[in-house]
Amino acid sequence: MSMNKNTVLGYATLIMIIMGVILIGLGAFRYDDVAGWGFATVGIGFFAIAWVFNALKGRV
């Protein structure tokens, strides 16, 4: 199976979304102090990067 750039960006987007959901879940349900805000913020950052990867698909 040959993976071109679009396939790699698609898998990277999927992994980033999964990690973002995990991090936001950790921040929401595991940590009740300031660390929870940090985890949730990093999770939202992962979503932003996944959005950029998705926007780049087809352009590279």
PDB file of N, CA and C in Angstrom:
ATOM      1  N   MET A   1       0.851  -1.183   0.000  1.00  0.00           N
ATOM      2  CA  MET A   1       0.000   0.000   0.000  1.00  0.00           C
ATOM      3  C   MET A   1       0.890   1.238   0.000  1.00  0.00           C
ATOM      4  N   SER A   2       0.765   2.021  -1.025  1.00  0.00           N
ATOM      5  CA  SER A   2       1.565   3.245  -1.072  1.00  0.00           C
ATOM      6  C   SER A   2       0.760   4.382  -0.453  1.00  0.00           C
ATOM      7  N   MET A   3       1.420   5.138   0.391  1.00  0.00           N
ATOM      8  CA  MET A   3       0.749   6.240   1.057  1.00  0.00           C
ATOM      9  C   MET A   3       1.240   7.556   0.470  1.00  0.00           C
ATOM     10  N   ASN A   4       0.339   8.255  -0.185  1.00  0.00           N
ATOM     11  CA  ASN A   4       0.724   9.567  -0.701  1.00  0.00           C
ATOM     12  C   ASN A   4       0.529  10.619   0.388  1.00  0.00           C
ATOM     13  N   LYS A   5       0.785  11.871   0.044  1.00  0.00           N
ATOM     14  CA  LYS A   5       0.750  12.932   1.064  1.00  0.00           C
ATOM     15  C   LYS A   5      -0.646  13.114   1.639  1.00  0.00           C
ATOM     16  N   ASN A   6      -1.674  12.968   0.797  1.00  0.00           N
ATOM     17  CA  ASN A   6      -3.039  13.153   1.294  1.00  0.00           C
ATOM     18  C   ASN A   6      -3.414  12.075   2.297  1.00  0.00           C
ATOM     19  N   THR A   7      -2.981  10.831   2.048  1.00  0.00           N
ATOM     20  CA  THR A   7      -3.274   9.746   2.988  1.00  0.00           C
ATOM     21  C   THR A   7      -2.583   9.991   4.314  1.00  0.00           C
ATOM     22  N   VAL A   8      -1.315  10.418   4.270  1.00  0.00           N
ATOM     23  CA  VAL A   8      -0.577  10.700   5.499  1.00  0.00           C
ATOM     24  C   VAL A   8      -1.252  11.832   6.270  1.00  0.00           C
ATOM     25  N   LEU A   9      -1.667  12.900   5.570  1.00  0.00           N
ATOM     26  CA  LEU A   9      -2.351  14.005   6.240  1.00  0.00           C
ATOM     27  C   LEU A   9      -3.694  13.557   6.808  1.00  0.00           C
ATOM     28  N   GLY A  10      -4.380  12.661   6.124  1.00  0.00           N
ATOM     29  CA  GLY A  10      -5.647  12.148   6.641  1.00  0.00           C
ATOM     30  C   GLY A  10      -5.452  11.372   7.927  1.00  0.00           C
ATOM     31  N   TYR A  11      -4.444  10.469   7.952  1.00  0.00           N
ATOM     32  CA  TYR A  11      -4.161   9.718   9.173  1.00  0.00           C
ATOM     33  C   TYR A  11      -3.691  10.645  10.298  1.00  0.00           C
ATOM     34  N   ALA A  12      -2.866  11.632   9.961  1.00  0.00           N
ATOM     35  CA  ALA A  12      -2.393  12.582  10.978  1.00  0.00           C
ATOM     36  C   ALA A  12      -3.574  13.360  11.565  1.00  0.00           C
ATOM     37  N   THR A  13      -4.519  13.764  10.710  1.00  0.00           N
ATOM     38  CA  THR A  13      -5.702  14.475  11.192  1.00  0.00           C
ATOM     39  C   THR A  13      -6.503  13.595  12.138  1.00  0.00           C
ATOM     40  N   LEU A  14      -6.707  12.335  11.769  1.00  0.00           N
ATOM     41  CA  LEU A  14      -7.466  11.408  12.606  1.00  0.00           C
ATOM     42  C   LEU A  14      -6.798  11.199  13.964  1.00  0.00           C
ATOM     43  N   ILE A  15      -5.480  11.002  13.957  1.00  0.00           N
ATOM     44  CA  ILE A  15      -4.749  10.800  15.213  1.00  0.00           C
ATOM     45  C   ILE A  15      -4.828  12.050  16.087  1.00  0.00           C
ATOM     46  N   MET A  16      -4.702  13.235  15.462  1.00  0.00           N
ATOM     47  CA  MET A  16      -4.766  14.474  16.234  1.00  0.00           C
ATOM     48  C   MET A  16      -6.152  14.668  16.859  1.00  0.00           C
ATOM     49  N   ILE A  17      -7.208  14.305  16.123  1.00  0.00           N
ATOM     50  CA  ILE A  17      -8.562  14.439  16.671  1.00  0.00           C
ATOM     51  C   ILE A  17      -8.748  13.485  17.847  1.00  0.00           C
ATOM     52  N   ILE A  18      -8.286  12.243  17.700  1.00  0.00           N
ATOM     53  CA  ILE A  18      -8.407  11.267  18.790  1.00  0.00           C
ATOM     54  C   ILE A  18      -7.642  11.751  20.021  1.00  0.00           C
ATOM     55  N   MET A  19      -6.412  12.228  19.826  1.00  0.00           N
ATOM     56  CA  MET A  19      -5.624  12.712  20.966  1.00  0.00           C
ATOM     57  C   MET A  19      -6.271  13.950  21.593  1.00  0.00           C
ATOM     58  N   GLY A  20      -6.844  14.827  20.768  1.00  0.00           N
ATOM     59  CA  GLY A  20      -7.520  16.003  21.303  1.00  0.00           C
ATOM     60  C   GLY A  20      -8.702  15.621  22.181  1.00  0.00           C
ATOM     61  N   VAL A  21      -9.490  14.632  21.729  1.00  0.00           N
ATOM     62  CA  VAL A  21     -10.628  14.173  22.527  1.00  0.00           C
ATOM     63  C   VAL A  21     -10.145  13.564  23.839  1.00  0.00           C
ATOM     64  N   ILE A  22      -9.068  12.775  23.797  1.00  0.00           N
ATOM     65  CA  ILE A  22      -8.529  12.159  25.009  1.00  0.00           C
ATOM     66  C   ILE A  22      -8.051  13.241  25.985  1.00  0.00           C
ATOM     67  N   LEU A  23      -7.324  14.239  25.473  1.00  0.00           N
ATOM     68  CA  LEU A  23      -6.810  15.290  26.350  1.00  0.00           C
ATOM     69  C   LEU A  23      -7.927  16.129  26.960  1.00  0.00           C
ATOM     70  N   ILE A  24      -8.946  16.464  26.165  1.00  0.00           N
ATOM     71  CA  ILE A  24     -10.065  17.223  26.708  1.00  0.00           C
ATOM     72  C   ILE A  24     -10.813  16.379  27.727  1.00  0.00           C
ATOM     73  N   GLY A  25     -10.950  15.079  27.456  1.00  0.00           N
ATOM     74  CA  GLY A  25     -11.583  14.192  28.427  1.00  0.00           C
ATOM     75  C   GLY A  25     -10.798  14.113  29.726  1.00  0.00           C
ATOM     76  N   LEU A  26      -9.479  14.044  29.622  1.00  0.00           N
ATOM     77  CA  LEU A  26      -8.648  14.050  30.829  1.00  0.00           C
ATOM     78  C   LEU A  26      -8.848  15.340  31.614  1.00  0.00           C
ATOM     79  N   GLY A  27      -8.842  16.448  30.914  1.00  0.00           N
ATOM     80  CA  GLY A  27      -9.009  17.726  31.590  1.00  0.00           C
ATOM     81  C   GLY A  27     -10.375  17.866  32.232  1.00  0.00           C
ATOM     82  N   ALA A  28     -11.397  17.293  31.597  1.00  0.00           N
ATOM     83  CA  ALA A  28     -12.756  17.460  32.113  1.00  0.00           C
ATOM     84  C   ALA A  28     -13.058  16.496  33.251  1.00  0.00           C
ATOM     85  N   PHE A  29     -12.595  15.254  33.136  1.00  0.00           N
ATOM     86  CA  PHE A  29     -13.052  14.226  34.071  1.00  0.00           C
ATOM     87  C   PHE A  29     -11.993  13.754  35.062  1.00  0.00           C
ATOM     88  N   ARG A  30     -10.713  13.939  34.747  1.00  0.00           N
ATOM     89  CA  ARG A  30      -9.675  13.377  35.614  1.00  0.00           C
ATOM     90  C   ARG A  30      -9.112  14.410  36.579  1.00  0.00           C
ATOM     91  N   TYR A  31      -8.855  15.614  36.079  1.00  0.00           N
ATOM     92  CA  TYR A  31      -8.207  16.638  36.902  1.00  0.00           C
ATOM     93  C   TYR A  31      -9.193  17.767  37.180  1.00  0.00           C
ATOM     94  N   ASP A  32      -9.375  18.081  38.457  1.00  0.00           N
ATOM     95  CA  ASP A  32     -10.342  19.114  38.831  1.00  0.00           C
ATOM     96  C   ASP A  32      -9.687  20.463  39.111  1.00  0.00           C
ATOM     97  N   ASP A  33      -8.343  20.513  39.116  1.00  0.00           N
ATOM     98  CA  ASP A  33      -7.668  21.767  39.447  1.00  0.00           C
ATOM     99  C   ASP A  33      -7.203  22.456  38.166  1.00  0.00           C
ATOM    100  N   VAL A  34      -6.201  23.273  38.280  1.00  0.00           N
ATOM    101  CA  VAL A  34      -5.708  24.063  37.147  1.00  0.00           C
ATOM    102  C   VAL A  34      -5.144  23.164  36.042  1.00  0.00           C
ATOM    103  N   ALA A  35      -4.632  21.997  36.413  1.00  0.00           N
ATOM    104  CA  ALA A  35      -4.077  21.086  35.400  1.00  0.00           C
ATOM    105  C   ALA A  35      -5.139  20.687  34.381  1.00  0.00           C
ATOM    106  N   GLY A  36      -6.385  20.580  34.823  1.00  0.00           N
ATOM    107  CA  GLY A  36      -7.469  20.235  33.903  1.00  0.00           C
ATOM    108  C   GLY A  36      -7.639  21.264  32.808  1.00  0.00           C
ATOM    109  N   TRP A  37      -7.502  22.548  33.176  1.00  0.00           N
ATOM    110  CA  TRP A  37      -7.576  23.612  32.162  1.00  0.00           C
ATOM    111  C   TRP A  37      -6.429  23.467  31.159  1.00  0.00           C
ATOM    112  N   GLY A  38      -5.254  23.102  31.654  1.00  0.00           N
ATOM    113  CA  GLY A  38      -4.112  22.921  30.751  1.00  0.00           C
ATOM    114  C   GLY A  38      -4.338  21.793  29.767  1.00  0.00           C
ATOM    115  N   PHE A  39      -4.824  20.655  30.272  1.00  0.00           N
ATOM    116  CA  PHE A  39      -5.096  19.525  29.385  1.00  0.00           C
ATOM    117  C   PHE A  39      -6.139  19.894  28.341  1.00  0.00           C
ATOM    118  N   ALA A  40      -7.207  20.563  28.771  1.00  0.00           N
ATOM    119  CA  ALA A  40      -8.271  20.939  27.834  1.00  0.00           C
ATOM    120  C   ALA A  40      -7.746  21.922  26.789  1.00  0.00           C
ATOM    121  N   THR A  41      -6.896  22.856  27.200  1.00  0.00           N
ATOM    122  CA  THR A  41      -6.353  23.828  26.255  1.00  0.00           C
ATOM    123  C   THR A  41      -5.469  23.152  25.222  1.00  0.00           C
ATOM    124  N   VAL A  42      -4.632  22.216  25.670  1.00  0.00           N
ATOM    125  CA  VAL A  42      -3.780  21.479  24.726  1.00  0.00           C
ATOM    126  C   VAL A  42      -4.646  20.647  23.781  1.00  0.00           C
ATOM    127  N   GLY A  43      -5.733  20.070  24.294  1.00  0.00           N
ATOM    128  CA  GLY A  43      -6.644  19.305  23.440  1.00  0.00           C
ATOM    129  C   GLY A  43      -7.265  20.172  22.357  1.00  0.00           C
ATOM    130  N   ILE A  44      -7.648  21.404  22.717  1.00  0.00           N
ATOM    131  CA  ILE A  44      -8.196  22.330  21.716  1.00  0.00           C
ATOM    132  C   ILE A  44      -7.122  22.701  20.703  1.00  0.00           C
ATOM    133  N   GLY A  45      -5.873  22.834  21.170  1.00  0.00           N
ATOM    134  CA  GLY A  45      -4.767  23.096  20.244  1.00  0.00           C
ATOM    135  C   GLY A  45      -4.572  21.955  19.256  1.00  0.00           C
ATOM    136  N   PHE A  46      -4.745  20.712  19.737  1.00  0.00           N
ATOM    137  CA  PHE A  46      -4.662  19.568  18.839  1.00  0.00           C
ATOM    138  C   PHE A  46      -5.743  19.646  17.767  1.00  0.00           C
ATOM    139  N   PHE A  47      -6.957  20.066  18.167  1.00  0.00           N
ATOM    140  CA  PHE A  47      -8.033  20.231  17.182  1.00  0.00           C
ATOM    141  C   PHE A  47      -7.656  21.270  16.134  1.00  0.00           C
ATOM    142  N   ALA A  48      -7.024  22.366  16.575  1.00  0.00           N
ATOM    143  CA  ALA A  48      -6.639  23.428  15.636  1.00  0.00           C
ATOM    144  C   ALA A  48      -5.605  22.914  14.637  1.00  0.00           C
ATOM    145  N   ILE A  49      -4.634  22.146  15.117  1.00  0.00           N
ATOM    146  CA  ILE A  49      -3.614  21.610  14.217  1.00  0.00           C
ATOM    147  C   ILE A  49      -4.235  20.593  13.258  1.00  0.00           C
ATOM    148  N   ALA A  50      -5.172  19.778  13.765  1.00  0.00           N
ATOM    149  CA  ALA A  50      -5.852  18.817  12.896  1.00  0.00           C
ATOM    150  C   ALA A  50      -6.645  19.545  11.812  1.00  0.00           C
ATOM    151  N   TRP A  51      -7.226  20.684  12.158  1.00  0.00           N
ATOM    152  CA  TRP A  51      -7.967  21.479  11.181  1.00  0.00           C
ATOM    153  C   TRP A  51      -7.027  21.988  10.091  1.00  0.00           C
ATOM    154  N   VAL A  52      -5.824  22.415  10.482  1.00  0.00           N
ATOM    155  CA  VAL A  52      -4.847  22.885   9.499  1.00  0.00           C
ATOM    156  C   VAL A  52      -4.422  21.722   8.594  1.00  0.00           C
ATOM    157  N   PHE A  53      -4.162  20.544   9.193  1.00  0.00           N
ATOM    158  CA  PHE A  53      -3.793  19.377   8.390  1.00  0.00           C
ATOM    159  C   PHE A  53      -4.892  19.065   7.380  1.00  0.00           C
ATOM    160  N   ASN A  54      -6.131  19.126   7.830  1.00  0.00           N
ATOM    161  CA  ASN A  54      -7.248  18.822   6.945  1.00  0.00           C
ATOM    162  C   ASN A  54      -7.341  19.859   5.825  1.00  0.00           C
ATOM    163  N   ALA A  55      -7.064  21.125   6.132  1.00  0.00           N
ATOM    164  CA  ALA A  55      -7.102  22.164   5.115  1.00  0.00           C
ATOM    165  C   ALA A  55      -5.973  22.003   4.104  1.00  0.00           C
ATOM    166  N   LEU A  56      -4.847  21.438   4.530  1.00  0.00           N
ATOM    167  CA  LEU A  56      -3.703  21.260   3.638  1.00  0.00           C
ATOM    168  C   LEU A  56      -3.899  20.082   2.679  1.00  0.00           C
ATOM    169  N   LYS A  57      -4.832  19.189   3.014  1.00  0.00           N
ATOM    170  CA  LYS A  57      -5.036  18.014   2.167  1.00  0.00           C
ATOM    171  C   LYS A  57      -5.393  18.453   0.761  1.00  0.00           C
ATOM    172  N   GLY A  58      -4.720  17.922  -0.225  1.00  0.00           N
ATOM    173  CA  GLY A  58      -4.987  18.273  -1.604  1.00  0.00           C
ATOM    174  C   GLY A  58      -4.180  19.456  -2.104  1.00  0.00           C
ATOM    175  N   ARG A  59      -3.529  20.192  -1.230  1.00  0.00           N
ATOM    176  CA  ARG A  59      -2.747  21.359  -1.632  1.00  0.00           C
ATOM    177  C   ARG A  59      -1.250  21.071  -1.669  1.00  0.00           C
ATOM    178  N   VAL A  60      -0.828  20.030  -0.998  1.00  0.00           N
ATOM    179  CA  VAL A  60       0.616  19.725  -0.974  1.00  0.00           C
ATOM    180  C   VAL A  60       0.936  18.710  -2.023  1.00  0.00           C
TER     181      VAL A  60
END
